Amino acid sequence: MDWLSNVRKQAHAATEKLVSSETAGRARQLAAQAKQQATALAKGATAKAQEVAKEAISEAERGLAHLRQPQAQSAKAADPLQYGITPELQQFVRSLTYSTFSDYPLDSLDLPSNPAEQQLGQWQEMHARLVLQQVPQLQDLRFVLCPRWG
């Protein structure tokens, strides 16, 4: 019976060797698949990053082109009615004087504490430029009220 026990041990060892070999082969297959998937994901991520970078550059260039464009030329080309410059507004602005501003109670103003909140948006800036263009006498009043900001 010793021979039977010996055969069993040899069969068990052979089975373990076969299972180990199969497991190692399967592990190599899984590693190769994982490598392929990682390479594909890396290529996709690189392509997406390049696309996002191109879009960001394009957006920045459009913004810079807007900034490089002379504002006066933009104001001349814009339709005043589109920016709320009606004949009634022009008449109202013509009626403003130095005393309109000097007599105004500053306590009633709700001014923002953050200077960034005081900046005009694009639409507001174009509106202001068009009003100054349409009502030239406002330019003089502007310099009287704010001599440093000419």
N, C-alpha and C. Protein backbone atom coordinates (compact mmCIF):
# COMPACT_ATOMS: atom_id res chain seq x y z
N MET A 1 0.79 -1.17 0.00
CA MET A 1 0.00 0.00 0.00
C MET A 1 0.85 1.26 0.00
N ASP A 2 2.06 1.04 0.27
CA ASP A 2 2.98 2.14 0.23
C ASP A 2 3.10 2.70 -1.18
N TRP A 3 3.05 1.78 -2.11
CA TRP A 3 3.14 2.24 -3.51
C TRP A 3 1.93 3.09 -3.88
N LEU A 4 0.73 2.76 -3.33
CA LEU A 4 -0.49 3.51 -3.61
C LEU A 4 -0.39 4.92 -3.02
N SER A 5 0.12 5.03 -1.84
CA SER A 5 0.30 6.33 -1.21
C SER A 5 1.31 7.17 -2.01
N ASN A 6 2.32 6.50 -2.48
CA ASN A 6 3.34 7.17 -3.29
C ASN A 6 2.76 7.69 -4.59
N VAL A 7 1.92 6.91 -5.23
CA VAL A 7 1.27 7.32 -6.49
C VAL A 7 0.33 8.50 -6.23
N ARG A 8 -0.37 8.42 -5.12
CA ARG A 8 -1.26 9.51 -4.78
C ARG A 8 -0.49 10.83 -4.58
N LYS A 9 0.64 10.73 -3.88
CA LYS A 9 1.46 11.91 -3.66
C LYS A 9 1.97 12.48 -4.98
N GLN A 10 2.40 11.60 -5.87
CA GLN A 10 2.89 12.06 -7.17
C GLN A 10 1.77 12.69 -7.99
N ALA A 11 0.59 12.11 -7.91
CA ALA A 11 -0.57 12.65 -8.64
C ALA A 11 -0.95 14.02 -8.07
N HIS A 12 -0.91 14.11 -6.75
CA HIS A 12 -1.24 15.38 -6.12
C HIS A 12 -0.21 16.46 -6.50
N ALA A 13 1.05 16.13 -6.51
CA ALA A 13 2.12 17.07 -6.88
C ALA A 13 1.97 17.49 -8.33
N ALA A 14 1.65 16.53 -9.20
CA ALA A 14 1.46 16.84 -10.62
C ALA A 14 0.26 17.75 -10.81
N THR A 15 -0.80 17.49 -10.05
CA THR A 15 -2.00 18.32 -10.14
C THR A 15 -1.68 19.75 -9.68
N GLU A 16 -0.96 19.87 -8.57
CA GLU A 16 -0.58 21.19 -8.08
C GLU A 16 0.28 21.94 -9.10
N LYS A 17 1.20 21.22 -9.72
CA LYS A 17 2.07 21.83 -10.72
C LYS A 17 1.25 22.31 -11.91
N LEU A 18 0.29 21.49 -12.33
CA LEU A 18 -0.58 21.83 -13.45
C LEU A 18 -1.45 23.04 -13.12
N VAL A 19 -2.02 23.08 -11.92
CA VAL A 19 -2.86 24.19 -11.50
C VAL A 19 -2.02 25.46 -11.41
N SER A 20 -0.82 25.36 -10.86
CA SER A 20 0.07 26.52 -10.76
C SER A 20 0.43 27.04 -12.14
N SER A 21 0.70 26.14 -13.04
CA SER A 21 1.05 26.53 -14.41
C SER A 21 -0.13 27.22 -15.10
N GLU A 22 -1.33 26.66 -14.93
CA GLU A 22 -2.54 27.25 -15.52
C GLU A 22 -2.81 28.62 -14.89
N THR A 23 -2.64 28.72 -13.57
CA THR A 23 -2.88 29.98 -12.88
C THR A 23 -1.89 31.05 -13.35
N ALA A 24 -0.64 30.66 -13.50
CA ALA A 24 0.37 31.60 -13.98
C ALA A 24 0.05 32.05 -15.41
N GLY A 25 -0.39 31.13 -16.24
CA GLY A 25 -0.77 31.48 -17.62
C GLY A 25 -1.96 32.43 -17.63
N ARG A 26 -2.93 32.17 -16.79
CA ARG A 26 -4.12 33.03 -16.72
C ARG A 26 -3.73 34.42 -16.19
N ALA A 27 -2.83 34.45 -15.21
CA ALA A 27 -2.37 35.72 -14.66
C ALA A 27 -1.65 36.54 -15.73
N ARG A 28 -0.84 35.86 -16.57
CA ARG A 28 -0.16 36.55 -17.66
C ARG A 28 -1.17 37.11 -18.67
N GLN A 29 -2.21 36.35 -18.95
CA GLN A 29 -3.26 36.82 -19.87
C GLN A 29 -3.96 38.06 -19.30
N LEU A 30 -4.32 37.99 -18.02
CA LEU A 30 -4.99 39.12 -17.38
C LEU A 30 -4.08 40.36 -17.36
N ALA A 31 -2.80 40.15 -17.10
CA ALA A 31 -1.86 41.27 -17.09
C ALA A 31 -1.75 41.89 -18.48
N ALA A 32 -1.74 41.09 -19.51
CA ALA A 32 -1.66 41.60 -20.89
C ALA A 32 -2.93 42.39 -21.23
N GLN A 33 -4.09 41.87 -20.83
CA GLN A 33 -5.35 42.58 -21.07
C GLN A 33 -5.39 43.91 -20.31
N ALA A 34 -4.92 43.88 -19.06
CA ALA A 34 -4.90 45.10 -18.27
C ALA A 34 -3.97 46.13 -18.90
N LYS A 35 -2.84 45.68 -19.42
CA LYS A 35 -1.90 46.58 -20.07
C LYS A 35 -2.53 47.20 -21.32
N GLN A 36 -3.23 46.40 -22.11
CA GLN A 36 -3.90 46.91 -23.31
C GLN A 36 -4.96 47.95 -22.94
N GLN A 37 -5.76 47.63 -21.93
CA GLN A 37 -6.80 48.58 -21.51
C GLN A 37 -6.20 49.86 -20.96
N ALA A 38 -5.14 49.76 -20.19
CA ALA A 38 -4.49 50.95 -19.64
C ALA A 38 -3.91 51.81 -20.76
N THR A 39 -3.31 51.17 -21.75
CA THR A 39 -2.75 51.90 -22.89
C THR A 39 -3.86 52.62 -23.65
N ALA A 40 -4.98 51.93 -23.88
CA ALA A 40 -6.10 52.56 -24.58
C ALA A 40 -6.67 53.72 -23.78
N LEU A 41 -6.82 53.56 -22.47
CA LEU A 41 -7.32 54.65 -21.62
C LEU A 41 -6.34 55.83 -21.62
N ALA A 42 -5.06 55.54 -21.58
CA ALA A 42 -4.06 56.62 -21.58
C ALA A 42 -4.13 57.38 -22.90
N LYS A 43 -4.27 56.68 -24.01
CA LYS A 43 -4.38 57.35 -25.31
C LYS A 43 -5.64 58.21 -25.36
N GLY A 44 -6.75 57.68 -24.85
CA GLY A 44 -8.00 58.44 -24.83
C GLY A 44 -7.88 59.68 -23.95
N ALA A 45 -7.25 59.53 -22.80
CA ALA A 45 -7.08 60.67 -21.89
C ALA A 45 -6.18 61.72 -22.52
N THR A 46 -5.13 61.28 -23.19
CA THR A 46 -4.23 62.22 -23.85
C THR A 46 -4.96 62.98 -24.95
N ALA A 47 -5.75 62.27 -25.74
CA ALA A 47 -6.51 62.92 -26.81
C ALA A 47 -7.51 63.92 -26.23
N LYS A 48 -8.19 63.54 -25.16
CA LYS A 48 -9.16 64.43 -24.53
C LYS A 48 -8.45 65.66 -23.95
N ALA A 49 -7.30 65.46 -23.32
CA ALA A 49 -6.54 66.59 -22.76
C ALA A 49 -6.10 67.54 -23.87
N GLN A 50 -5.67 67.00 -25.00
CA GLN A 50 -5.27 67.85 -26.12
C GLN A 50 -6.46 68.62 -26.67
N GLU A 51 -7.61 67.97 -26.72
CA GLU A 51 -8.83 68.63 -27.21
C GLU A 51 -9.23 69.77 -26.27
N VAL A 52 -9.18 69.51 -24.98
CA VAL A 52 -9.53 70.54 -23.99
C VAL A 52 -8.53 71.70 -24.08
N ALA A 53 -7.25 71.37 -24.24
CA ALA A 53 -6.23 72.42 -24.35
C ALA A 53 -6.47 73.27 -25.59
N LYS A 54 -6.81 72.64 -26.72
CA LYS A 54 -7.09 73.39 -27.95
C LYS A 54 -8.29 74.31 -27.76
N GLU A 55 -9.34 73.80 -27.11
CA GLU A 55 -10.53 74.62 -26.85
C GLU A 55 -10.19 75.80 -25.94
N ALA A 56 -9.38 75.56 -24.93
CA ALA A 56 -8.99 76.63 -24.01
C ALA A 56 -8.16 77.69 -24.74
N ILE A 57 -7.26 77.26 -25.59
CA ILE A 57 -6.44 78.19 -26.37
C ILE A 57 -7.33 79.00 -27.31
N SER A 58 -8.25 78.31 -27.96
CA SER A 58 -9.16 78.99 -28.88
C SER A 58 -10.00 80.03 -28.14
N GLU A 59 -10.53 79.67 -26.99
CA GLU A 59 -11.33 80.59 -26.18
C GLU A 59 -10.49 81.78 -25.73
N ALA A 60 -9.26 81.52 -25.32
CA ALA A 60 -8.38 82.60 -24.88
C ALA A 60 -8.05 83.53 -26.04
N GLU A 61 -7.83 82.96 -27.21
CA GLU A 61 -7.53 83.79 -28.39
C GLU A 61 -8.72 84.66 -28.76
N ARG A 62 -9.94 84.10 -28.65
CA ARG A 62 -11.13 84.90 -28.93
C ARG A 62 -11.24 86.05 -27.93
N GLY A 63 -10.95 85.76 -26.67
CA GLY A 63 -10.99 86.80 -25.64
C GLY A 63 -9.93 87.86 -25.89
N LEU A 64 -8.74 87.42 -26.28
CA LEU A 64 -7.68 88.39 -26.57
C LEU A 64 -8.01 89.21 -27.80
N ALA A 65 -8.60 88.59 -28.80
CA ALA A 65 -8.98 89.34 -30.00
C ALA A 65 -9.97 90.42 -29.63
N HIS A 66 -10.89 90.09 -28.74
CA HIS A 66 -11.87 91.09 -28.28
C HIS A 66 -11.17 92.23 -27.56
N LEU A 67 -10.15 91.89 -26.75
CA LEU A 67 -9.44 92.93 -26.01
C LEU A 67 -8.55 93.76 -26.92
N ARG A 68 -7.99 93.16 -27.95
CA ARG A 68 -7.11 93.88 -28.87
C ARG A 68 -7.88 94.83 -29.77
N GLN A 69 -9.13 94.50 -30.02
CA GLN A 69 -9.98 95.30 -30.90
C GLN A 69 -10.22 96.66 -30.25
N PRO A 70 -10.00 97.75 -30.99
CA PRO A 70 -10.25 99.06 -30.39
C PRO A 70 -11.71 99.20 -29.97
N GLN A 71 -11.92 99.63 -28.73
CA GLN A 71 -13.27 99.74 -28.19
C GLN A 71 -14.09 100.80 -28.91
N ALA A 72 -13.44 101.91 -29.28
CA ALA A 72 -14.18 102.98 -29.95
C ALA A 72 -14.76 102.47 -31.27
N GLN A 73 -13.99 101.67 -31.96
CA GLN A 73 -14.47 101.12 -33.23
C GLN A 73 -15.65 100.19 -32.97
N SER A 74 -15.58 99.40 -31.89
CA SER A 74 -16.68 98.51 -31.56
C SER A 74 -17.94 99.32 -31.24
N ALA A 75 -17.78 100.41 -30.51
CA ALA A 75 -18.92 101.23 -30.13
C ALA A 75 -19.55 101.88 -31.36
N LYS A 76 -18.72 102.26 -32.33
CA LYS A 76 -19.27 102.87 -33.54
C LYS A 76 -20.07 101.87 -34.35
N ALA A 77 -19.65 100.61 -34.32
CA ALA A 77 -20.32 99.60 -35.11
C ALA A 77 -21.59 99.06 -34.43
N ALA A 78 -21.71 99.27 -33.12
CA ALA A 78 -22.83 98.70 -32.37
C ALA A 78 -24.10 99.52 -32.58
N ASP A 79 -25.23 98.84 -32.49
CA ASP A 79 -26.53 99.48 -32.59
C ASP A 79 -26.92 100.02 -31.22
N PRO A 80 -27.05 101.35 -31.07
CA PRO A 80 -27.36 101.92 -29.76
C PRO A 80 -28.64 101.37 -29.14
N LEU A 81 -29.66 101.11 -29.96
CA LEU A 81 -30.92 100.60 -29.41
C LEU A 81 -30.74 99.22 -28.78
N GLN A 82 -29.80 98.46 -29.32
CA GLN A 82 -29.53 97.14 -28.77
C GLN A 82 -29.00 97.24 -27.35
N TYR A 83 -28.37 98.36 -27.04
CA TYR A 83 -27.80 98.58 -25.72
C TYR A 83 -28.62 99.55 -24.89
N GLY A 84 -29.87 99.73 -25.25
CA GLY A 84 -30.79 100.53 -24.46
C GLY A 84 -30.62 102.04 -24.59
N ILE A 85 -29.94 102.49 -25.63
CA ILE A 85 -29.73 103.93 -25.83
C ILE A 85 -30.89 104.45 -26.66
N THR A 86 -31.94 104.84 -25.97
CA THR A 86 -33.14 105.35 -26.63
C THR A 86 -33.08 106.88 -26.66
N PRO A 87 -33.90 107.51 -27.49
CA PRO A 87 -33.94 108.99 -27.48
C PRO A 87 -34.31 109.54 -26.09
N GLU A 88 -35.17 108.83 -25.36
CA GLU A 88 -35.55 109.28 -24.02
C GLU A 88 -34.34 109.25 -23.08
N LEU A 89 -33.53 108.19 -23.18
CA LEU A 89 -32.35 108.11 -22.33
C LEU A 89 -31.37 109.23 -22.70
N GLN A 90 -31.20 109.46 -23.98
CA GLN A 90 -30.29 110.53 -24.40
C GLN A 90 -30.76 111.88 -23.85
N GLN A 91 -32.05 112.12 -23.90
CA GLN A 91 -32.60 113.38 -23.37
C GLN A 91 -32.36 113.48 -21.86
N PHE A 92 -32.58 112.38 -21.15
CA PHE A 92 -32.35 112.36 -19.71
C PHE A 92 -30.89 112.65 -19.39
N VAL A 93 -29.97 112.02 -20.12
CA VAL A 93 -28.54 112.20 -19.88
C VAL A 93 -28.14 113.65 -20.17
N ARG A 94 -28.73 114.24 -21.19
CA ARG A 94 -28.43 115.65 -21.50
C ARG A 94 -28.87 116.58 -20.36
N SER A 95 -29.86 116.14 -19.59
CA SER A 95 -30.36 116.99 -18.49
C SER A 95 -29.49 116.90 -17.24
N LEU A 96 -28.55 115.96 -17.18
CA LEU A 96 -27.70 115.82 -16.00
C LEU A 96 -26.71 116.97 -15.91
N THR A 97 -26.47 117.43 -14.69
CA THR A 97 -25.51 118.51 -14.46
C THR A 97 -24.61 118.12 -13.30
N TYR A 98 -23.64 118.96 -13.02
CA TYR A 98 -22.75 118.73 -11.89
C TYR A 98 -23.55 118.65 -10.58
N SER A 99 -24.51 119.53 -10.43
CA SER A 99 -25.29 119.55 -9.19
C SER A 99 -26.15 118.29 -9.04
N THR A 100 -26.52 117.65 -10.15
CA THR A 100 -27.27 116.39 -10.05
C THR A 100 -26.49 115.40 -9.21
N PHE A 101 -25.18 115.38 -9.41
CA PHE A 101 -24.33 114.43 -8.69
C PHE A 101 -23.87 114.98 -7.34
N SER A 102 -23.52 116.26 -7.30
CA SER A 102 -23.01 116.83 -6.04
C SER A 102 -24.09 116.92 -4.97
N ASP A 103 -25.34 117.08 -5.36
CA ASP A 103 -26.43 117.19 -4.39
C ASP A 103 -27.02 115.83 -4.00
N TYR A 104 -26.57 114.75 -4.64
CA TYR A 104 -27.14 113.43 -4.36
C TYR A 104 -26.64 112.94 -3.00
N PRO A 105 -27.54 112.43 -2.14
CA PRO A 105 -27.11 111.96 -0.81
C PRO A 105 -26.33 110.64 -0.92
N LEU A 106 -25.05 110.70 -0.63
CA LEU A 106 -24.20 109.51 -0.73
C LEU A 106 -24.58 108.43 0.26
N ASP A 107 -25.23 108.81 1.35
CA ASP A 107 -25.64 107.82 2.36
C ASP A 107 -26.63 106.82 1.79
N SER A 108 -27.38 107.22 0.80
CA SER A 108 -28.41 106.33 0.25
C SER A 108 -27.85 105.32 -0.75
N LEU A 109 -26.57 105.46 -1.09
CA LEU A 109 -25.97 104.52 -2.05
C LEU A 109 -25.55 103.24 -1.34
N ASP A 110 -25.77 102.13 -1.99
CA ASP A 110 -25.34 100.83 -1.47
C ASP A 110 -24.13 100.40 -2.31
N LEU A 111 -22.94 100.88 -1.92
CA LEU A 111 -21.73 100.60 -2.69
C LEU A 111 -21.10 99.29 -2.25
N PRO A 112 -20.64 98.49 -3.19
CA PRO A 112 -19.98 97.24 -2.82
C PRO A 112 -18.62 97.52 -2.18
N SER A 113 -18.24 96.70 -1.22
CA SER A 113 -16.95 96.90 -0.55
C SER A 113 -15.80 96.32 -1.37
N ASN A 114 -16.09 95.36 -2.23
CA ASN A 114 -15.07 94.73 -3.06
C ASN A 114 -14.94 95.49 -4.38
N PRO A 115 -13.75 96.03 -4.70
CA PRO A 115 -13.58 96.78 -5.95
C PRO A 115 -13.90 95.96 -7.20
N ALA A 116 -13.71 94.64 -7.14
CA ALA A 116 -14.01 93.80 -8.31
C ALA A 116 -15.50 93.84 -8.64
N GLU A 117 -16.34 94.06 -7.63
CA GLU A 117 -17.78 94.13 -7.86
C GLU A 117 -18.18 95.44 -8.53
N GLN A 118 -17.27 96.41 -8.55
CA GLN A 118 -17.56 97.70 -9.14
C GLN A 118 -17.23 97.74 -10.63
N GLN A 119 -16.59 96.71 -11.14
CA GLN A 119 -16.24 96.68 -12.55
C GLN A 119 -17.47 96.43 -13.40
N LEU A 120 -17.48 97.06 -14.56
CA LEU A 120 -18.61 96.90 -15.48
C LEU A 120 -18.46 95.61 -16.27
N GLY A 121 -19.59 95.01 -16.58
CA GLY A 121 -19.60 93.87 -17.48
C GLY A 121 -19.45 94.37 -18.92
N GLN A 122 -19.32 93.45 -19.87
CA GLN A 122 -19.14 93.83 -21.27
C GLN A 122 -20.33 94.64 -21.78
N TRP A 123 -21.54 94.18 -21.48
CA TRP A 123 -22.72 94.89 -21.95
C TRP A 123 -22.77 96.29 -21.33
N GLN A 124 -22.50 96.39 -20.01
CA GLN A 124 -22.53 97.67 -19.32
C GLN A 124 -21.48 98.63 -19.88
N GLU A 125 -20.29 98.08 -20.16
CA GLU A 125 -19.22 98.92 -20.71
C GLU A 125 -19.61 99.46 -22.09
N MET A 126 -20.17 98.60 -22.93
CA MET A 126 -20.58 99.04 -24.26
C MET A 126 -21.70 100.08 -24.15
N HIS A 127 -22.63 99.87 -23.22
CA HIS A 127 -23.72 100.82 -22.98
C HIS A 127 -23.14 102.18 -22.61
N ALA A 128 -22.19 102.19 -21.68
CA ALA A 128 -21.58 103.45 -21.24
C ALA A 128 -20.84 104.13 -22.39
N ARG A 129 -20.10 103.35 -23.17
CA ARG A 129 -19.37 103.93 -24.30
C ARG A 129 -20.33 104.55 -25.32
N LEU A 130 -21.41 103.85 -25.56
CA LEU A 130 -22.38 104.37 -26.53
C LEU A 130 -23.07 105.63 -26.02
N VAL A 131 -23.38 105.68 -24.73
CA VAL A 131 -23.99 106.89 -24.18
C VAL A 131 -23.01 108.05 -24.32
N LEU A 132 -21.74 107.80 -24.00
CA LEU A 132 -20.73 108.87 -24.15
C LEU A 132 -20.59 109.31 -25.60
N GLN A 133 -20.73 108.36 -26.51
CA GLN A 133 -20.63 108.67 -27.94
C GLN A 133 -21.86 109.44 -28.42
N GLN A 134 -23.04 109.04 -27.96
CA GLN A 134 -24.28 109.65 -28.42
C GLN A 134 -24.55 111.02 -27.77
N VAL A 135 -24.04 111.22 -26.55
CA VAL A 135 -24.27 112.48 -25.82
C VAL A 135 -22.89 113.06 -25.46
N PRO A 136 -22.26 113.76 -26.39
CA PRO A 136 -20.89 114.24 -26.19
C PRO A 136 -20.71 115.15 -24.97
N GLN A 137 -21.73 115.93 -24.59
CA GLN A 137 -21.57 116.82 -23.45
C GLN A 137 -21.39 116.06 -22.14
N LEU A 138 -21.77 114.78 -22.13
CA LEU A 138 -21.56 113.96 -20.94
C LEU A 138 -20.06 113.75 -20.69
N GLN A 139 -19.28 113.76 -21.75
CA GLN A 139 -17.83 113.60 -21.64
C GLN A 139 -17.24 114.72 -20.76
N ASP A 140 -17.69 115.96 -20.98
CA ASP A 140 -17.20 117.08 -20.18
C ASP A 140 -17.60 116.91 -18.72
N LEU A 141 -18.83 116.52 -18.48
CA LEU A 141 -19.30 116.31 -17.12
C LEU A 141 -18.51 115.19 -16.45
N ARG A 142 -18.20 114.19 -17.20
CA ARG A 142 -17.43 113.06 -16.69
C ARG A 142 -16.07 113.53 -16.17
N PHE A 143 -15.41 114.40 -16.93
CA PHE A 143 -14.09 114.88 -16.52
C PHE A 143 -14.18 115.83 -15.33
N VAL A 144 -15.26 116.57 -15.22
CA VAL A 144 -15.44 117.45 -14.06
C VAL A 144 -15.66 116.61 -12.80
N LEU A 145 -16.47 115.56 -12.92
CA LEU A 145 -16.78 114.71 -11.77
C LEU A 145 -15.61 113.82 -11.36
N CYS A 146 -14.90 113.30 -12.32
CA CYS A 146 -13.81 112.35 -12.05
C CYS A 146 -12.55 112.77 -12.82
N PRO A 147 -11.87 113.81 -12.40
CA PRO A 147 -10.72 114.29 -13.17
C PRO A 147 -9.57 113.28 -13.27
N ARG A 148 -9.43 112.41 -12.29
CA ARG A 148 -8.32 111.44 -12.33
C ARG A 148 -8.59 110.29 -13.28
N TRP A 149 -9.82 110.03 -13.64
CA TRP A 149 -10.18 108.87 -14.44
C TRP A 149 -10.41 109.21 -15.90
N GLY A 150 -9.79 110.24 -16.40
CA GLY A 150 -9.97 110.65 -17.79
C GLY A 150 -9.26 109.75 -18.69
